[in-house]
Protein backbone atom coordinates (compact mmCIF):
# COMPACT_ATOMS: atom_id res chain seq x y z
CA MET A 1 164.74 -26.43 27.08
CA LYS A 2 167.48 -27.95 29.06
CA LYS A 3 166.06 -31.47 28.55
CA LEU A 4 165.66 -30.83 24.78
CA VAL A 5 169.29 -29.63 24.57
CA LEU A 6 170.42 -32.57 26.52
CA LEU A 7 168.76 -34.98 24.33
CA LEU A 8 169.69 -33.31 21.11
CA VAL A 9 173.31 -33.13 22.19
CA ILE A 10 173.36 -36.92 22.79
CA LEU A 11 171.67 -37.35 19.36
CA LEU A 12 173.67 -35.27 17.30
CA THR A 13 176.81 -33.70 18.34
CA LEU A 14 178.60 -36.82 19.45
CA THR A 15 180.77 -36.94 16.22
CA GLY A 16 179.65 -34.04 14.26
CA CYS A 17 177.57 -36.34 12.21
CA LYS A 18 174.70 -35.42 9.75
CA ALA A 19 171.25 -35.61 10.92
CA THR A 20 167.86 -35.51 9.24
CA TYR A 21 164.59 -34.28 10.60
CA VAL A 22 161.38 -35.25 8.64
CA LEU A 23 157.86 -34.00 8.90
CA GLU A 24 155.56 -36.28 7.00
CA ILE A 25 152.42 -34.65 6.12
CA ASP A 26 149.48 -36.85 5.14
CA ASP A 27 145.88 -35.51 5.32
CA THR A 28 145.62 -34.41 8.88
CA SER A 29 148.65 -36.56 10.24
CA PHE A 30 151.92 -34.70 11.01
CA LYS A 31 154.62 -37.53 11.81
CA GLU A 32 157.81 -35.91 13.13
CA SER A 33 161.20 -38.00 13.17
CA ILE A 34 164.71 -37.29 13.74
CA ASP A 35 167.42 -39.74 12.71
CA SER A 36 170.98 -39.67 13.58
CA GLU A 37 173.71 -42.28 12.88
CA PHE A 38 177.33 -42.34 14.29
CA ASN A 39 180.22 -44.36 15.30
CA TYR A 40 179.84 -45.61 18.85
CA ASN A 41 183.65 -46.26 19.32
CA GLU A 42 184.49 -42.65 18.69
CA LEU A 43 182.57 -41.33 21.54
CA GLU A 44 184.46 -40.19 24.74
CA SER A 45 183.76 -42.49 27.83
CA GLU A 46 181.45 -39.86 29.39
CA GLU A 47 179.42 -39.51 26.12
CA GLN A 48 178.98 -43.34 26.09
CA ASN A 49 177.89 -43.39 29.76
CA SER A 50 175.32 -40.74 28.90
CA LEU A 51 174.10 -42.73 25.92
CA SER A 52 173.53 -45.71 28.10
CA HIS A 53 171.07 -43.72 30.11
CA TYR A 54 169.33 -42.62 26.84
CA ASN A 55 165.99 -44.45 26.97
CA ASN A 56 165.52 -43.09 30.76
CA TYR A 57 165.12 -39.50 29.44
CA LYS A 58 161.61 -38.17 29.09
CA ILE A 59 161.30 -35.16 26.73
CA ASP A 60 157.82 -33.56 26.39
CA ALA A 61 156.22 -34.09 23.14
CA PHE A 62 154.52 -30.64 23.36
CA TYR A 63 155.72 -27.37 24.30
CA ARG A 64 152.94 -26.50 26.99
CA ASN A 65 150.90 -28.65 29.17
CA SER A 66 152.32 -31.94 27.97
CA SER A 67 151.60 -35.36 29.50
CA ASP A 68 153.02 -37.04 26.49
CA TYR A 69 156.71 -37.81 25.53
CA LEU A 70 158.63 -38.05 22.42
CA ASP A 71 159.28 -41.71 21.34
CA LYS A 72 162.80 -42.75 21.35
CA THR A 73 164.83 -45.88 20.06
CA ILE A 74 168.37 -46.63 19.67
CA ASN A 75 169.87 -49.61 17.71
CA TYR A 76 173.58 -50.85 17.48
CA LYS A 77 175.14 -52.53 14.59
CA GLY A 78 178.72 -53.22 14.94
CA ASN A 79 180.46 -49.80 15.77
CA THR A 80 177.48 -47.90 14.44
CA ALA A 81 174.73 -46.46 16.69
CA THR A 82 171.41 -45.47 15.09
CA ILE A 83 168.94 -43.03 17.25
CA ASN A 84 165.61 -42.10 16.22
CA VAL A 85 163.15 -39.83 17.91
CA ASN A 86 159.56 -39.47 16.75
CA TYR A 87 155.98 -38.43 17.51
CA ASP A 88 152.66 -38.50 15.83
CA TYR A 89 151.00 -35.24 15.81
CA ASN A 90 147.76 -33.94 14.05
CA SER A 91 146.60 -30.71 12.37
CA ASN A 92 145.17 -29.49 15.72
CA ASN A 93 148.12 -29.92 17.93
CA TYR A 94 151.17 -29.55 15.57
CA ASP A 95 151.41 -25.76 16.56
CA ASN A 96 152.35 -26.83 20.11
CA ALA A 97 154.90 -29.35 19.15
CA TYR A 98 158.04 -29.21 21.40
CA LEU A 99 160.77 -29.26 18.68
CA ILE A 100 159.31 -26.47 16.36
CA ASN A 101 158.69 -24.20 19.48
CA SER A 102 162.15 -24.90 20.86
CA CYS A 103 164.42 -24.66 18.00
CA PHE A 104 163.62 -21.63 16.35
CA ASP A 105 163.05 -18.00 17.30
CA GLU A 106 159.56 -17.95 15.87
CA HIS A 107 157.20 -20.19 13.79
CA ILE A 108 153.84 -19.81 11.90
CA PHE A 109 151.41 -22.61 11.70
CA ILE A 110 148.17 -21.93 9.85
CA SER A 111 145.45 -24.35 9.19
CA GLU A 112 142.70 -22.86 6.82
CA ASP A 113 140.02 -24.76 4.93
CA ASP A 114 141.98 -25.50 1.83
CA TYR A 115 145.45 -25.11 2.85
CA TYR A 116 148.27 -25.49 5.68
CA TYR A 117 151.18 -22.88 5.92
CA ILE A 118 154.31 -23.45 7.95
CA GLU A 119 156.98 -21.11 8.23
CA VAL A 120 160.12 -20.91 10.75
CA LEU A 121 162.16 -17.72 11.38
CA GLY A 122 165.05 -16.46 13.29
CA ASP A 123 168.22 -18.29 14.46
CA PHE A 124 168.13 -22.13 14.45
CA GLY A 125 168.99 -23.17 17.86
CA CYS A 126 169.51 -26.81 17.61
CA GLN A 127 172.54 -26.85 15.08
CA TYR A 128 174.04 -30.09 17.12
CA ALA A 129 175.22 -31.56 14.03
CA SER A 130 177.71 -30.31 11.49
CA GLU A 131 174.68 -30.39 8.91
CA ILE A 132 170.99 -30.91 9.45
CA ASP A 133 168.45 -31.78 6.59
CA ILE A 134 164.99 -30.42 7.34
CA VAL A 135 162.57 -32.25 5.15
CA ILE A 136 158.85 -32.12 4.56
CA ASP A 137 157.61 -35.36 3.16
CA THR A 138 154.13 -34.96 1.62
CA ASN A 139 151.71 -36.10 -1.20
CA HIS A 140 149.75 -32.97 -0.84
CA VAL A 141 150.25 -30.41 -3.82
CA VAL A 142 152.51 -27.74 -2.59
CA MET A 143 151.40 -24.23 -3.59
CA ASP A 144 154.64 -22.29 -2.47
CA THR A 145 157.74 -22.93 -0.71
CA ASN A 146 161.46 -21.82 -0.75
CA ALA A 147 162.64 -25.42 -0.23
CA THR A 148 164.41 -27.60 -2.82
CA LYS A 149 162.05 -30.25 -4.33
CA LYS A 150 163.04 -33.92 -4.79
CA GLY A 151 159.99 -35.85 -5.73
CA ASN A 152 157.84 -35.59 -2.79
CA ARG A 153 160.24 -34.32 -0.56
CA TYR A 154 160.99 -30.63 0.21
CA ILE A 155 164.49 -30.20 1.71
CA TRP A 156 166.34 -27.24 3.61
CA THR A 157 169.85 -28.11 4.62
CA LEU A 158 171.23 -25.91 7.84
CA ASN A 159 174.75 -25.80 8.65
CA ASN A 160 176.96 -23.25 10.71
CA ASP A 161 177.10 -20.91 7.84
CA ASN A 162 173.35 -20.43 7.09
CA ASN A 163 171.59 -21.22 10.29
CA LYS A 164 171.33 -17.45 11.33
CA ASP A 165 168.25 -15.45 10.53
CA VAL A 166 166.58 -18.46 8.69
CA ASP A 167 163.35 -18.05 6.83
CA MET A 168 161.92 -21.36 5.58
CA PHE A 169 158.19 -21.75 4.53
CA ILE A 170 155.83 -24.30 2.76
CA GLN A 171 152.19 -23.74 1.73
CA LEU A 172 150.20 -26.95 0.91
CA SER A 173 146.87 -27.72 -0.60
CA LYS A 174 144.56 -29.68 1.80
CA THR A 175 142.23 -30.69 -1.26
CA GLN A 176 144.77 -31.50 -4.08
CA ILE A 177 146.67 -34.70 -3.54
CA SER A 178 149.59 -35.65 -5.88
CA SER A 179 149.71 -39.00 -7.56
CA ASN A 180 152.99 -41.00 -7.64
CA LYS A 181 153.49 -39.21 -11.02
CA GLY A 182 152.79 -35.77 -9.69
CA ILE A 183 149.27 -35.40 -11.21
CA SER A 184 147.01 -33.64 -8.71
CA THR A 185 143.59 -34.87 -7.86
CA PHE A 186 141.90 -32.04 -9.34
CA LYS A 187 143.79 -32.51 -12.65
CA LEU A 188 142.91 -36.30 -12.63
CA VAL A 189 139.19 -35.55 -12.20
CA MET A 190 139.39 -33.00 -14.94
CA PHE A 191 141.12 -35.44 -17.25
CA ILE A 192 138.30 -38.19 -16.55
CA ILE A 193 135.56 -35.51 -17.22
CA LEU A 194 137.07 -34.44 -20.39
CA ALA A 195 137.58 -38.15 -21.52
CA ILE A 196 133.80 -38.84 -20.59
CA LEU A 197 132.64 -35.83 -22.69
CA CYS A 198 134.79 -37.02 -25.68
CA VAL A 199 133.33 -40.24 -25.65
CA ILE A 200 129.80 -38.77 -25.29
CA THR A 201 130.54 -36.68 -28.31
CA ILE A 202 131.61 -39.36 -30.37
CA LEU A 203 128.79 -41.57 -29.67
CA ALA A 204 126.40 -38.60 -30.21
CA ILE A 205 127.95 -37.95 -33.74
CA LYS A 206 127.64 -41.60 -34.64
CA PHE A 207 124.01 -41.71 -33.57
CA VAL A 208 122.98 -38.55 -35.61
CA GLY A 209 125.15 -39.84 -38.49
CA LYS A 210 123.26 -43.43 -38.32
CA LYS A 211 119.89 -41.74 -37.97
CA ASP A 212 120.36 -39.39 -40.70
CA SER A 213 121.34 -42.33 -43.18
CA GLU A 214 118.38 -44.19 -41.90
CA ASP A 215 116.06 -41.18 -42.80
CA TYR A 216 117.75 -40.81 -46.07
């Protein structure tokens, strides 16, 4: 936990910046990413020294029995420093992801035959920025959630006023995938079937009408 706190302090608290956590869910892939951008010149000298050793820190990707580490990058452009932490999980190991286990009092991850369910509960222990957006980015049809929807993104924003006793949840269908226009695979298949039935009906009517006219 101390390693995680150290990393997140370096990432997020340096200037009270806004940070974004994104979990991209695509089929069985769970891609996790944290992004933070801040003005490097506003850091204290001690913070700048800590940041210079940033890439030497190894943070476990998994909460238990980990031999893998989070991927980290830092880029500078002028006075701006941009930090990214990421890791690619899957539906079998995401329940053991380090961040979801460390930042919340409790979490629930369910992977059933036809849906995923994710819920985080309790106090949020990683409020190292003045405001943090927690985002689920997915093309799966969302069956239920208390997030704010923006396209294929489902967003919760945590700050010092609302990070106690949180309850955030989302349930996603495994079998229904949204198109770019938001039409599920099921609806698309049903539309195609109905279109085919309409064509067959029209052809059948024309055939019967033609046969009747020939018999007449």
